Amino acid sequence: MAPDGTTTGRRIPLAYRLQYLLFRGAVGLFAALPRRTALRLGAGLGELFYHLGRHHRRIALFNLAIAFPERPVRQRQRILRTSCHNLGRMAAEFCHLPALTADALPDIVSFADRAAWEHMLATAGQRGGIAVTAHFGNWELLAYLHGLLGHPTTLIHRPMRNALVDAAINAVRWRAGTRTLAKKAAAREAIRTLRQHGILVIPCDQNQTRRFGVFVDFFGKPASTTPGAARLAMRTGSLVCPVFLVREPDGEHHRVEVGPLIPMVDTGDREADVVTNTQRCSDAVEAMIRRYPEQWVWFHKRWRTRPQGEPRLYG
């Protein structure tokens, strides 16, 4: 940021500067606390958000009703409440990332199948790899731990409106070697990364506009989804593999889960293949959320973009 409060040639509004100061203060507070204490405080703040965030709670419960119509309302409320706890813990853990070392990692993270993880890395080293994931568990730690273990990733992300906060978050990611590519301008660098046999991380769980998304089934309802993983894999021949970081029941530990490689179809009908392959990526995300629904972020308006002619779902 320049001395006059601008970034990339644009002046930062005062409200954003105040948000940034609050963000830095919160990060400093959580980082100063012992990790276990910070996690408890984070979970407590998540509980507070569950009760006070009425607007977000309404959106999340609406989404849960779409995803799990067969479950009682009380059960969906419990899922959301635990999801809020996870978000609070994740925020606390993010503040401790700069102090995390490779030597300390085994005390926090384990592997469901380390051989599968190593096979994915070895294959990616030969032809590039796309890690399909979601805003699930502690996705920030997922990228960070790969860097600590000598396998830095490149993350495609949607920049935050507050450029100061966005830059501060990226600065933490960069400490472990994680590169970030702004979503709207990522294609060329993403292709270069894969052709250099790097690992590209693409979250496939957020709503897209009609211009940028394709409609695939997600929990039984059409959802506009990024075709980025499918298009890049079809163009470069890179592997596509679902990778997630699952929070253990104790709330303090995590487990890396690597799913089977997602095969990309090639029938010669490129646009139809893009939809089919995007559906396969979305299916991998949905399967993980079904297993651990309390670890996904339910506040996002996942079904906001509707197919032509369908009514809006979110007021």
C-alpha atoms as a PDB file:
ATOM      1  CA  MET A   1       0.000   0.000   0.000  1.00  0.00           C
ATOM      2  CA  ALA A   2       1.255   3.473  -0.865  1.00  0.00           C
ATOM      3  CA  PRO A   3       1.685   6.169   1.852  1.00  0.00           C
ATOM      4  CA  ASP A   4      -1.378   8.048   0.635  1.00  0.00           C
ATOM      5  CA  GLY A   5      -3.654   5.093   1.382  1.00  0.00           C
ATOM      6  CA  THR A   6      -3.897   3.815  -2.177  1.00  0.00           C
ATOM      7  CA  THR A   7      -3.266   0.356  -3.563  1.00  0.00           C
ATOM      8  CA  THR A   8      -2.654  -0.488  -7.233  1.00  0.00           C
ATOM      9  CA  GLY A   9      -3.419   3.141  -8.015  1.00  0.00           C
ATOM     10  CA  ARG A  10      -6.796   3.196  -6.249  1.00  0.00           C
ATOM     11  CA  ARG A  11      -7.609   5.050  -3.050  1.00  0.00           C
ATOM     12  CA  ILE A  12      -8.795   2.895  -0.167  1.00  0.00           C
ATOM     13  CA  PRO A  13     -12.057   4.096   1.470  1.00  0.00           C
ATOM     14  CA  LEU A  14     -11.844   5.035   5.131  1.00  0.00           C
ATOM     15  CA  ALA A  15     -14.268   2.246   6.086  1.00  0.00           C
ATOM     16  CA  TYR A  16     -11.934  -0.310   4.523  1.00  0.00           C
ATOM     17  CA  ARG A  17      -8.959   1.130   6.375  1.00  0.00           C
ATOM     18  CA  LEU A  18     -10.838   0.819   9.649  1.00  0.00           C
ATOM     19  CA  GLN A  19     -11.780  -2.763   8.795  1.00  0.00           C
ATOM     20  CA  TYR A  20      -8.136  -3.468   8.109  1.00  0.00           C
ATOM     21  CA  LEU A  21      -7.079  -2.058  11.488  1.00  0.00           C
ATOM     22  CA  LEU A  22      -9.683  -4.212  13.234  1.00  0.00           C
ATOM     23  CA  PHE A  23      -8.491  -7.211  11.257  1.00  0.00           C
ATOM     24  CA  ARG A  24      -4.859  -6.626  12.234  1.00  0.00           C
ATOM     25  CA  GLY A  25      -5.847  -6.159  15.870  1.00  0.00           C
ATOM     26  CA  ALA A  26      -7.839  -9.395  15.916  1.00  0.00           C
ATOM     27  CA  VAL A  27      -5.003 -11.302  14.241  1.00  0.00           C
ATOM     28  CA  GLY A  28      -2.546  -9.968  16.802  1.00  0.00           C
ATOM     29  CA  LEU A  29      -4.823 -10.927  19.691  1.00  0.00           C
ATOM     30  CA  PHE A  30      -5.409 -14.497  18.506  1.00  0.00           C
ATOM     31  CA  ALA A  31      -1.744 -14.973  17.604  1.00  0.00           C
ATOM     32  CA  ALA A  32      -0.702 -13.932  21.137  1.00  0.00           C
ATOM     33  CA  LEU A  33      -2.932 -16.555  22.746  1.00  0.00           C
ATOM     34  CA  PRO A  34      -1.923 -20.196  23.173  1.00  0.00           C
ATOM     35  CA  ARG A  35      -3.311 -22.204  20.266  1.00  0.00           C
ATOM     36  CA  ARG A  36      -5.790 -24.172  22.357  1.00  0.00           C
ATOM     37  CA  THR A  37      -7.102 -21.022  24.006  1.00  0.00           C
ATOM     38  CA  ALA A  38      -7.389 -19.295  20.626  1.00  0.00           C
ATOM     39  CA  LEU A  39      -9.383 -22.240  19.271  1.00  0.00           C
ATOM     40  CA  ARG A  40     -11.802 -22.100  22.190  1.00  0.00           C
ATOM     41  CA  LEU A  41     -12.243 -18.367  21.765  1.00  0.00           C
ATOM     42  CA  GLY A  42     -12.775 -18.837  18.028  1.00  0.00           C
ATOM     43  CA  ALA A  43     -15.454 -21.464  18.623  1.00  0.00           C
ATOM     44  CA  GLY A  44     -17.119 -19.126  21.102  1.00  0.00           C
ATOM     45  CA  LEU A  45     -17.190 -16.323  18.559  1.00  0.00           C
ATOM     46  CA  GLY A  46     -18.664 -18.771  16.063  1.00  0.00           C
ATOM     47  CA  GLU A  47     -21.415 -19.564  18.552  1.00  0.00           C
ATOM     48  CA  LEU A  48     -22.063 -15.850  18.987  1.00  0.00           C
ATOM     49  CA  PHE A  49     -22.266 -15.391  15.230  1.00  0.00           C
ATOM     50  CA  TYR A  50     -24.759 -18.231  14.977  1.00  0.00           C
ATOM     51  CA  HIS A  51     -27.102 -16.436  17.369  1.00  0.00           C
ATOM     52  CA  LEU A  52     -26.585 -12.847  16.201  1.00  0.00           C
ATOM     53  CA  GLY A  53     -26.154 -13.276  12.442  1.00  0.00           C
ATOM     54  CA  ARG A  54     -29.841 -13.601  11.672  1.00  0.00           C
ATOM     55  CA  HIS A  55     -29.572 -12.752   7.966  1.00  0.00           C
ATOM     56  CA  HIS A  56     -26.740 -15.198   7.350  1.00  0.00           C
ATOM     57  CA  ARG A  57     -28.428 -17.844   9.480  1.00  0.00           C
ATOM     58  CA  ARG A  58     -31.572 -17.569   7.368  1.00  0.00           C
ATOM     59  CA  ILE A  59     -29.582 -18.094   4.137  1.00  0.00           C
ATOM     60  CA  ALA A  60     -27.679 -21.039   5.616  1.00  0.00           C
ATOM     61  CA  LEU A  61     -30.789 -22.808   6.879  1.00  0.00           C
ATOM     62  CA  PHE A  62     -32.438 -22.296   3.500  1.00  0.00           C
ATOM     63  CA  ASN A  63     -29.425 -23.958   1.860  1.00  0.00           C
ATOM     64  CA  LEU A  64     -29.500 -26.801   4.356  1.00  0.00           C
ATOM     65  CA  ALA A  65     -33.175 -27.367   3.569  1.00  0.00           C
ATOM     66  CA  ILE A  66     -32.248 -27.724  -0.113  1.00  0.00           C
ATOM     67  CA  ALA A  67     -29.378 -30.102   0.623  1.00  0.00           C
ATOM     68  CA  PHE A  68     -31.036 -32.200   3.338  1.00  0.00           C
ATOM     69  CA  PRO A  69     -34.828 -31.915   3.013  1.00  0.00           C
ATOM     70  CA  GLU A  70     -35.237 -35.255   4.761  1.00  0.00           C
ATOM     71  CA  ARG A  71     -33.530 -34.097   7.964  1.00  0.00           C
ATOM     72  CA  PRO A  72     -35.469 -32.463  10.827  1.00  0.00           C
ATOM     73  CA  VAL A  73     -35.100 -28.701  11.286  1.00  0.00           C
ATOM     74  CA  ARG A  74     -33.346 -29.185  14.626  1.00  0.00           C
ATOM     75  CA  GLN A  75     -30.723 -31.385  13.011  1.00  0.00           C
ATOM     76  CA  ARG A  76     -30.074 -28.811  10.289  1.00  0.00           C
ATOM     77  CA  GLN A  77     -29.719 -26.168  12.995  1.00  0.00           C
ATOM     78  CA  ARG A  78     -27.153 -28.325  14.795  1.00  0.00           C
ATOM     79  CA  ILE A  79     -25.185 -28.715  11.560  1.00  0.00           C
ATOM     80  CA  LEU A  80     -25.132 -24.952  11.061  1.00  0.00           C
ATOM     81  CA  ARG A  81     -24.161 -24.266  14.650  1.00  0.00           C
ATOM     82  CA  THR A  82     -21.194 -26.629  14.406  1.00  0.00           C
ATOM     83  CA  SER A  83     -20.270 -25.077  11.061  1.00  0.00           C
ATOM     84  CA  CYS A  84     -20.081 -21.697  12.806  1.00  0.00           C
ATOM     85  CA  HIS A  85     -17.784 -23.199  15.441  1.00  0.00           C
ATOM     86  CA  ASN A  86     -15.550 -24.530  12.656  1.00  0.00           C
ATOM     87  CA  LEU A  87     -15.332 -21.092  11.041  1.00  0.00           C
ATOM     88  CA  GLY A  88     -14.368 -19.510  14.335  1.00  0.00           C
ATOM     89  CA  ARG A  89     -11.692 -22.109  14.955  1.00  0.00           C
ATOM     90  CA  MET A  90     -10.409 -21.642  11.414  1.00  0.00           C
ATOM     91  CA  ALA A  91     -10.040 -17.898  11.974  1.00  0.00           C
ATOM     92  CA  ALA A  92      -8.043 -18.583  15.134  1.00  0.00           C
ATOM     93  CA  GLU A  93      -5.832 -21.103  13.348  1.00  0.00           C
ATOM     94  CA  PHE A  94      -5.196 -18.680  10.501  1.00  0.00           C
ATOM     95  CA  CYS A  95      -3.675 -16.248  12.995  1.00  0.00           C
ATOM     96  CA  HIS A  96      -1.264 -18.976  14.119  1.00  0.00           C
ATOM     97  CA  LEU A  97      -0.151 -20.013  10.613  1.00  0.00           C
ATOM     98  CA  PRO A  98       2.949 -17.759  10.510  1.00  0.00           C
ATOM     99  CA  ALA A  99       4.307 -19.554  13.589  1.00  0.00           C
ATOM    100  CA  LEU A 100       3.606 -23.033  12.223  1.00  0.00           C
ATOM    101  CA  THR A 101       6.649 -25.076  11.162  1.00  0.00           C
ATOM    102  CA  ALA A 102       7.055 -28.325   9.264  1.00  0.00           C
ATOM    103  CA  ASP A 103       8.368 -29.972  12.443  1.00  0.00           C
ATOM    104  CA  ALA A 104       5.229 -29.019  14.373  1.00  0.00           C
ATOM    105  CA  LEU A 105       2.857 -30.082  11.610  1.00  0.00           C
ATOM    106  CA  PRO A 106       2.559 -33.783  12.620  1.00  0.00           C
ATOM    107  CA  ASP A 107       1.195 -32.670  16.003  1.00  0.00           C
ATOM    108  CA  ILE A 108      -1.754 -31.060  14.226  1.00  0.00           C
ATOM    109  CA  VAL A 109      -2.279 -32.811  10.877  1.00  0.00           C
ATOM    110  CA  SER A 110      -2.404 -36.480   9.882  1.00  0.00           C
ATOM    111  CA  PHE A 111      -3.103 -38.240   6.573  1.00  0.00           C
ATOM    112  CA  ALA A 112      -5.984 -40.612   5.985  1.00  0.00           C
ATOM    113  CA  ASP A 113      -3.829 -42.330   3.350  1.00  0.00           C
ATOM    114  CA  ARG A 114      -0.349 -40.879   3.026  1.00  0.00           C
ATOM    115  CA  ALA A 115       0.480 -43.181   0.118  1.00  0.00           C
ATOM    116  CA  ALA A 116      -2.464 -41.795  -1.881  1.00  0.00           C
ATOM    117  CA  TRP A 117      -1.311 -38.249  -1.129  1.00  0.00           C
ATOM    118  CA  GLU A 118       2.256 -39.005  -2.206  1.00  0.00           C
ATOM    119  CA  HIS A 119       1.010 -40.722  -5.367  1.00  0.00           C
ATOM    120  CA  MET A 120      -0.997 -37.615  -6.235  1.00  0.00           C
ATOM    121  CA  LEU A 121       2.087 -35.420  -5.768  1.00  0.00           C
ATOM    122  CA  ALA A 122       4.272 -37.737  -7.808  1.00  0.00           C
ATOM    123  CA  THR A 123       1.783 -37.856 -10.671  1.00  0.00           C
ATOM    124  CA  ALA A 124       1.312 -34.086 -10.551  1.00  0.00           C
ATOM    125  CA  GLY A 125       5.091 -33.737 -10.787  1.00  0.00           C
ATOM    126  CA  GLN A 126       4.939 -35.488 -14.141  1.00  0.00           C
ATOM    127  CA  ARG A 127       2.020 -33.671 -15.778  1.00  0.00           C
ATOM    128  CA  GLY A 128       0.685 -31.035 -13.379  1.00  0.00           C
ATOM    129  CA  GLY A 129      -2.131 -31.418 -10.917  1.00  0.00           C
ATOM    130  CA  ILE A 130      -5.447 -29.743 -10.166  1.00  0.00           C
ATOM    131  CA  ALA A 131      -6.618 -30.136  -6.585  1.00  0.00           C
ATOM    132  CA  VAL A 132     -10.395 -29.830  -6.511  1.00  0.00           C
ATOM    133  CA  THR A 133     -11.503 -28.628  -3.109  1.00  0.00           C
ATOM    134  CA  ALA A 134     -14.055 -26.417  -1.335  1.00  0.00           C
ATOM    135  CA  HIS A 135     -14.489 -23.900   1.448  1.00  0.00           C
ATOM    136  CA  PHE A 136     -14.486 -26.835   3.798  1.00  0.00           C
ATOM    137  CA  GLY A 137     -12.760 -27.689   7.069  1.00  0.00           C
ATOM    138  CA  ASN A 138      -9.704 -25.432   7.243  1.00  0.00           C
ATOM    139  CA  TRP A 139      -8.972 -24.809   3.577  1.00  0.00           C
ATOM    140  CA  GLU A 140      -6.319 -22.191   4.391  1.00  0.00           C
ATOM    141  CA  LEU A 141      -4.306 -24.704   6.398  1.00  0.00           C
ATOM    142  CA  LEU A 142      -4.682 -27.230   3.559  1.00  0.00           C
ATOM    143  CA  ALA A 143      -2.729 -25.018   1.164  1.00  0.00           C
ATOM    144  CA  TYR A 144      -0.288 -23.876   3.843  1.00  0.00           C
ATOM    145  CA  LEU A 145       0.725 -27.370   4.945  1.00  0.00           C
ATOM    146  CA  HIS A 146       1.580 -28.354   1.378  1.00  0.00           C
ATOM    147  CA  GLY A 147       4.020 -25.461   1.217  1.00  0.00           C
ATOM    148  CA  LEU A 148       5.571 -26.387   4.553  1.00  0.00           C
ATOM    149  CA  LEU A 149       6.096 -29.933   3.282  1.00  0.00           C
ATOM    150  CA  GLY A 150       7.868 -28.706   0.163  1.00  0.00           C
ATOM    151  CA  HIS A 151       4.941 -28.762  -2.262  1.00  0.00           C
ATOM    152  CA  PRO A 152       3.754 -25.148  -2.589  1.00  0.00           C
ATOM    153  CA  THR A 153       0.499 -24.670  -4.440  1.00  0.00           C
ATOM    154  CA  THR A 154      -1.072 -22.019  -6.624  1.00  0.00           C
ATOM    155  CA  LEU A 155      -4.516 -20.947  -5.469  1.00  0.00           C
ATOM    156  CA  ILE A 156      -7.183 -19.439  -7.696  1.00  0.00           C
ATOM    157  CA  HIS A 157      -9.242 -17.146  -5.528  1.00  0.00           C
ATOM    158  CA  ARG A 158     -11.770 -14.349  -5.687  1.00  0.00           C
ATOM    159  CA  PRO A 159     -10.154 -11.194  -4.233  1.00  0.00           C
ATOM    160  CA  MET A 160     -11.965  -9.557  -1.352  1.00  0.00           C
ATOM    161  CA  ARG A 161     -13.524  -6.133  -1.780  1.00  0.00           C
ATOM    162  CA  ASN A 162     -11.225  -4.755   0.895  1.00  0.00           C
ATOM    163  CA  ALA A 163      -7.869  -4.866  -0.878  1.00  0.00           C
ATOM    164  CA  LEU A 164      -5.959  -4.213   2.358  1.00  0.00           C
ATOM    165  CA  VAL A 165      -7.381  -7.254   4.114  1.00  0.00           C
ATOM    166  CA  ASP A 166      -6.991  -9.318   0.954  1.00  0.00           C
ATOM    167  CA  ALA A 167      -3.322  -8.372   0.713  1.00  0.00           C
ATOM    168  CA  ALA A 168      -2.742  -9.201   4.389  1.00  0.00           C
ATOM    169  CA  ILE A 169      -4.293 -12.657   3.959  1.00  0.00           C
ATOM    170  CA  ASN A 170      -2.223 -13.284   0.837  1.00  0.00           C
ATOM    171  CA  ALA A 171       0.917 -12.246   2.709  1.00  0.00           C
ATOM    172  CA  VAL A 172       0.308 -15.066   5.188  1.00  0.00           C
ATOM    173  CA  ARG A 173      -0.302 -17.535   2.351  1.00  0.00           C
ATOM    174  CA  TRP A 174       2.942 -16.504   0.664  1.00  0.00           C
ATOM    175  CA  ARG A 175       4.937 -17.384   3.795  1.00  0.00           C
ATOM    176  CA  ALA A 176       4.460 -21.050   2.885  1.00  0.00           C
ATOM    177  CA  GLY A 177       5.024 -20.425  -0.825  1.00  0.00           C
ATOM    178  CA  THR A 178       1.346 -20.381  -1.817  1.00  0.00           C
ATOM    179  CA  ARG A 179       0.823 -18.272  -4.929  1.00  0.00           C
ATOM    180  CA  THR A 180      -2.543 -16.659  -5.511  1.00  0.00           C
ATOM    181  CA  LEU A 181      -4.140 -15.890  -8.859  1.00  0.00           C
ATOM    182  CA  ALA A 182      -7.059 -13.501  -9.073  1.00  0.00           C
ATOM    183  CA  LYS A 183      -9.915 -15.465 -10.576  1.00  0.00           C
ATOM    184  CA  LYS A 184     -10.772 -13.136 -13.459  1.00  0.00           C
ATOM    185  CA  ALA A 185      -7.211 -13.022 -14.772  1.00  0.00           C
ATOM    186  CA  ALA A 186      -5.996 -16.503 -13.874  1.00  0.00           C
ATOM    187  CA  ALA A 187      -6.211 -18.506 -17.118  1.00  0.00           C
ATOM    188  CA  ARG A 188      -2.782 -17.797 -18.613  1.00  0.00           C
ATOM    189  CA  GLU A 189      -0.864 -18.192 -15.342  1.00  0.00           C
ATOM    190  CA  ALA A 190      -2.887 -21.277 -14.429  1.00  0.00           C
ATOM    191  CA  ILE A 191      -1.934 -22.972 -17.696  1.00  0.00           C
ATOM    192  CA  ARG A 192       1.704 -22.011 -17.177  1.00  0.00           C
ATOM    193  CA  THR A 193       1.621 -23.468 -13.658  1.00  0.00           C
ATOM    194  CA  LEU A 194       0.242 -26.790 -14.872  1.00  0.00           C
ATOM    195  CA  ARG A 195       2.653 -27.013 -17.799  1.00  0.00           C
ATOM    196  CA  GLN A 196       5.465 -26.488 -15.303  1.00  0.00           C
ATOM    197  CA  HIS A 197       4.040 -29.474 -13.387  1.00  0.00           C
ATOM    198  CA  GLY A 198       2.799 -27.396 -10.480  1.00  0.00           C
ATOM    199  CA  ILE A 199      -0.248 -27.934  -8.282  1.00  0.00           C
ATOM    200  CA  LEU A 200      -3.236 -25.697  -8.858  1.00  0.00           C
ATOM    201  CA  VAL A 201      -5.937 -25.487  -6.175  1.00  0.00           C
ATOM    202  CA  ILE A 202      -9.449 -24.693  -7.389  1.00  0.00           C
ATOM    203  CA  PRO A 203     -12.435 -24.416  -5.008  1.00  0.00           C
ATOM    204  CA  CYS A 204     -15.474 -25.686  -6.924  1.00  0.00           C
ATOM    205  CA  ASP A 205     -18.233 -24.875  -4.456  1.00  0.00           C
ATOM    206  CA  GLN A 206     -19.245 -21.250  -5.089  1.00  0.00           C
ATOM    207  CA  ASN A 207     -21.946 -19.731  -7.256  1.00  0.00           C
ATOM    208  CA  GLN A 208     -20.928 -18.371 -10.654  1.00  0.00           C
ATOM    209  CA  THR A 209     -22.698 -15.941 -12.957  1.00  0.00           C
ATOM    210  CA  ARG A 210     -24.121 -17.344 -16.186  1.00  0.00           C
ATOM    211  CA  ARG A 211     -21.191 -15.825 -18.049  1.00  0.00           C
ATOM    212  CA  PHE A 212     -18.568 -17.775 -16.111  1.00  0.00           C
ATOM    213  CA  GLY A 213     -20.392 -20.901 -14.942  1.00  0.00           C
ATOM    214  CA  VAL A 214     -22.052 -24.033 -16.257  1.00  0.00           C
ATOM    215  CA  PHE A 215     -25.085 -25.632 -14.643  1.00  0.00           C
ATOM    216  CA  VAL A 216     -24.536 -29.006 -12.995  1.00  0.00           C
ATOM    217  CA  ASP A 217     -26.464 -30.901 -10.365  1.00  0.00           C
ATOM    218  CA  PHE A 218     -25.538 -30.039  -6.771  1.00  0.00           C
ATOM    219  CA  PHE A 219     -27.613 -31.652  -4.025  1.00  0.00           C
ATOM    220  CA  GLY A 220     -30.334 -32.333  -6.573  1.00  0.00           C
ATOM    221  CA  LYS A 221     -30.653 -28.759  -7.849  1.00  0.00           C
ATOM    222  CA  PRO A 222     -28.942 -27.042 -10.816  1.00  0.00           C
ATOM    223  CA  ALA A 223     -26.086 -24.875  -9.587  1.00  0.00           C
ATOM    224  CA  SER A 224     -23.925 -22.560 -11.685  1.00  0.00           C
ATOM    225  CA  THR A 225     -20.411 -23.916 -11.151  1.00  0.00           C
ATOM    226  CA  THR A 226     -16.929 -22.954 -12.276  1.00  0.00           C
ATOM    227  CA  PRO A 227     -15.776 -25.098 -15.207  1.00  0.00           C
ATOM    228  CA  GLY A 228     -12.187 -24.011 -14.566  1.00  0.00           C
ATOM    229  CA  ALA A 229     -10.866 -27.367 -13.374  1.00  0.00           C
ATOM    230  CA  ALA A 230     -12.442 -29.215 -16.297  1.00  0.00           C
ATOM    231  CA  ARG A 231     -11.297 -26.740 -18.962  1.00  0.00           C
ATOM    232  CA  LEU A 232      -7.732 -26.579 -17.643  1.00  0.00           C
ATOM    233  CA  ALA A 233      -7.425 -30.350 -17.299  1.00  0.00           C
ATOM    234  CA  MET A 234      -8.784 -30.903 -20.809  1.00  0.00           C
ATOM    235  CA  ARG A 235      -6.333 -28.378 -22.232  1.00  0.00           C
ATOM    236  CA  THR A 236      -3.197 -29.476 -20.357  1.00  0.00           C
ATOM    237  CA  GLY A 237      -3.768 -33.159 -19.614  1.00  0.00           C
ATOM    238  CA  SER A 238      -3.189 -32.531 -15.912  1.00  0.00           C
ATOM    239  CA  LEU A 239      -4.604 -34.859 -13.284  1.00  0.00           C
ATOM    240  CA  VAL A 240      -7.676 -33.816 -11.309  1.00  0.00           C
ATOM    241  CA  CYS A 241      -7.941 -34.995  -7.731  1.00  0.00           C
ATOM    242  CA  PRO A 242     -10.232 -34.054  -4.819  1.00  0.00           C
ATOM    243  CA  VAL A 243      -8.285 -32.962  -1.729  1.00  0.00           C
ATOM    244  CA  PHE A 244      -9.780 -31.837   1.580  1.00  0.00           C
ATOM    245  CA  LEU A 245      -8.680 -31.107   5.126  1.00  0.00           C
ATOM    246  CA  VAL A 246     -11.138 -32.595   7.612  1.00  0.00           C
ATOM    247  CA  ARG A 247     -11.320 -31.283  11.162  1.00  0.00           C
ATOM    248  CA  GLU A 248     -11.235 -34.081  13.715  1.00  0.00           C
ATOM    249  CA  PRO A 249     -14.009 -34.357  16.347  1.00  0.00           C
ATOM    250  CA  ASP A 250     -11.759 -32.862  19.053  1.00  0.00           C
ATOM    251  CA  GLY A 251     -11.745 -29.579  17.107  1.00  0.00           C
ATOM    252  CA  GLU A 252      -7.957 -29.230  17.363  1.00  0.00           C
ATOM    253  CA  HIS A 253      -6.579 -31.711  14.844  1.00  0.00           C
ATOM    254  CA  HIS A 254      -7.005 -32.287  11.114  1.00  0.00           C
ATOM    255  CA  ARG A 255      -6.791 -35.079   8.585  1.00  0.00           C
ATOM    256  CA  VAL A 256      -5.851 -34.770   4.903  1.00  0.00           C
ATOM    257  CA  GLU A 257      -8.195 -36.802   2.701  1.00  0.00           C
ATOM    258  CA  VAL A 258      -7.330 -37.443  -0.943  1.00  0.00           C
ATOM    259  CA  GLY A 259     -10.021 -38.940  -3.139  1.00  0.00           C
ATOM    260  CA  PRO A 260      -9.580 -41.047  -6.267  1.00  0.00           C
ATOM    261  CA  LEU A 261      -8.420 -39.224  -9.388  1.00  0.00           C
ATOM    262  CA  ILE A 262     -11.335 -37.758 -11.338  1.00  0.00           C
ATOM    263  CA  PRO A 263     -11.172 -39.023 -14.941  1.00  0.00           C
ATOM    264  CA  MET A 264     -11.903 -36.437 -17.624  1.00  0.00           C
ATOM    265  CA  VAL A 265     -14.060 -37.601 -20.536  1.00  0.00           C
ATOM    266  CA  ASP A 266     -13.167 -36.676 -24.102  1.00  0.00           C
ATOM    267  CA  THR A 267     -15.910 -37.478 -26.606  1.00  0.00           C
ATOM    268  CA  GLY A 268     -14.961 -34.789 -29.089  1.00  0.00           C
ATOM    269  CA  ASP A 269     -17.883 -32.571 -28.069  1.00  0.00           C
ATOM    270  CA  ARG A 270     -15.887 -30.052 -26.075  1.00  0.00           C
ATOM    271  CA  GLU A 271     -18.685 -28.067 -24.458  1.00  0.00           C
ATOM    272  CA  ALA A 272     -20.645 -31.181 -23.516  1.00  0.00           C
ATOM    273  CA  ASP A 273     -17.458 -32.684 -22.070  1.00  0.00           C
ATOM    274  CA  VAL A 274     -16.839 -29.530 -20.023  1.00  0.00           C
ATOM    275  CA  VAL A 275     -20.260 -29.930 -18.398  1.00  0.00           C
ATOM    276  CA  THR A 276     -19.741 -33.662 -17.782  1.00  0.00           C
ATOM    277  CA  ASN A 277     -16.303 -33.139 -16.278  1.00  0.00           C
ATOM    278  CA  THR A 278     -17.502 -30.208 -14.151  1.00  0.00           C
ATOM    279  CA  GLN A 279     -20.292 -32.440 -12.859  1.00  0.00           C
ATOM    280  CA  ARG A 280     -17.693 -34.992 -11.805  1.00  0.00           C
ATOM    281  CA  CYS A 281     -15.755 -32.340  -9.894  1.00  0.00           C
ATOM    282  CA  SER A 282     -18.949 -31.084  -8.255  1.00  0.00           C
ATOM    283  CA  ASP A 283     -19.916 -34.641  -7.310  1.00  0.00           C
ATOM    284  CA  ALA A 284     -16.619 -35.049  -5.436  1.00  0.00           C
ATOM    285  CA  VAL A 285     -17.304 -31.857  -3.489  1.00  0.00           C
ATOM    286  CA  GLU A 286     -20.882 -32.866  -2.711  1.00  0.00           C
ATOM    287  CA  ALA A 287     -19.794 -36.307  -1.522  1.00  0.00           C
ATOM    288  CA  MET A 288     -17.417 -34.756   1.007  1.00  0.00           C
ATOM    289  CA  ILE A 289     -20.007 -32.269   2.227  1.00  0.00           C
ATOM    290  CA  ARG A 290     -22.514 -35.089   2.685  1.00  0.00           C
ATOM    291  CA  ARG A 291     -20.000 -36.909   4.862  1.00  0.00           C
ATOM    292  CA  TYR A 292     -19.141 -33.845   6.954  1.00  0.00           C
ATOM    293  CA  PRO A 293     -21.887 -31.241   6.460  1.00  0.00           C
ATOM    294  CA  GLU A 294     -20.848 -29.335   9.581  1.00  0.00           C
ATOM    295  CA  GLN A 295     -17.520 -28.432   7.938  1.00  0.00           C
ATOM    296  CA  TRP A 296     -18.842 -26.573   4.889  1.00  0.00           C
ATOM    297  CA  VAL A 297     -19.683 -22.843   4.760  1.00  0.00           C
ATOM    298  CA  TRP A 298     -23.470 -22.786   4.382  1.00  0.00           C
ATOM    299  CA  PHE A 299     -23.851 -18.990   4.322  1.00  0.00           C
ATOM    300  CA  HIS A 300     -22.940 -18.640   0.653  1.00  0.00           C
ATOM    301  CA  LYS A 301     -25.833 -18.233  -1.816  1.00  0.00           C
ATOM    302  CA  ARG A 302     -24.792 -21.338  -3.697  1.00  0.00           C
ATOM    303  CA  TRP A 303     -27.904 -21.548  -5.881  1.00  0.00           C
ATOM    304  CA  ARG A 304     -28.205 -17.820  -6.564  1.00  0.00           C
ATOM    305  CA  THR A 305     -27.754 -17.988 -10.366  1.00  0.00           C
ATOM    306  CA  ARG A 306     -30.702 -19.834 -11.876  1.00  0.00           C
ATOM    307  CA  PRO A 307     -31.218 -21.410 -15.288  1.00  0.00           C
ATOM    308  CA  GLN A 308     -33.097 -19.217 -17.734  1.00  0.00           C
ATOM    309  CA  GLY A 309     -36.739 -18.931 -16.734  1.00  0.00           C
ATOM    310  CA  GLU A 310     -36.387 -20.203 -13.179  1.00  0.00           C
ATOM    311  CA  PRO A 311     -37.382 -17.891 -10.303  1.00  0.00           C
ATOM    312  CA  ARG A 312     -34.897 -16.441  -7.823  1.00  0.00           C
ATOM    313  CA  LEU A 313     -34.359 -18.406  -4.630  1.00  0.00           C
ATOM    314  CA  TYR A 314     -32.858 -15.798  -2.290  1.00  0.00           C
ATOM    315  CA  GLY A 315     -35.346 -12.946  -1.971  1.00  0.00           C
END
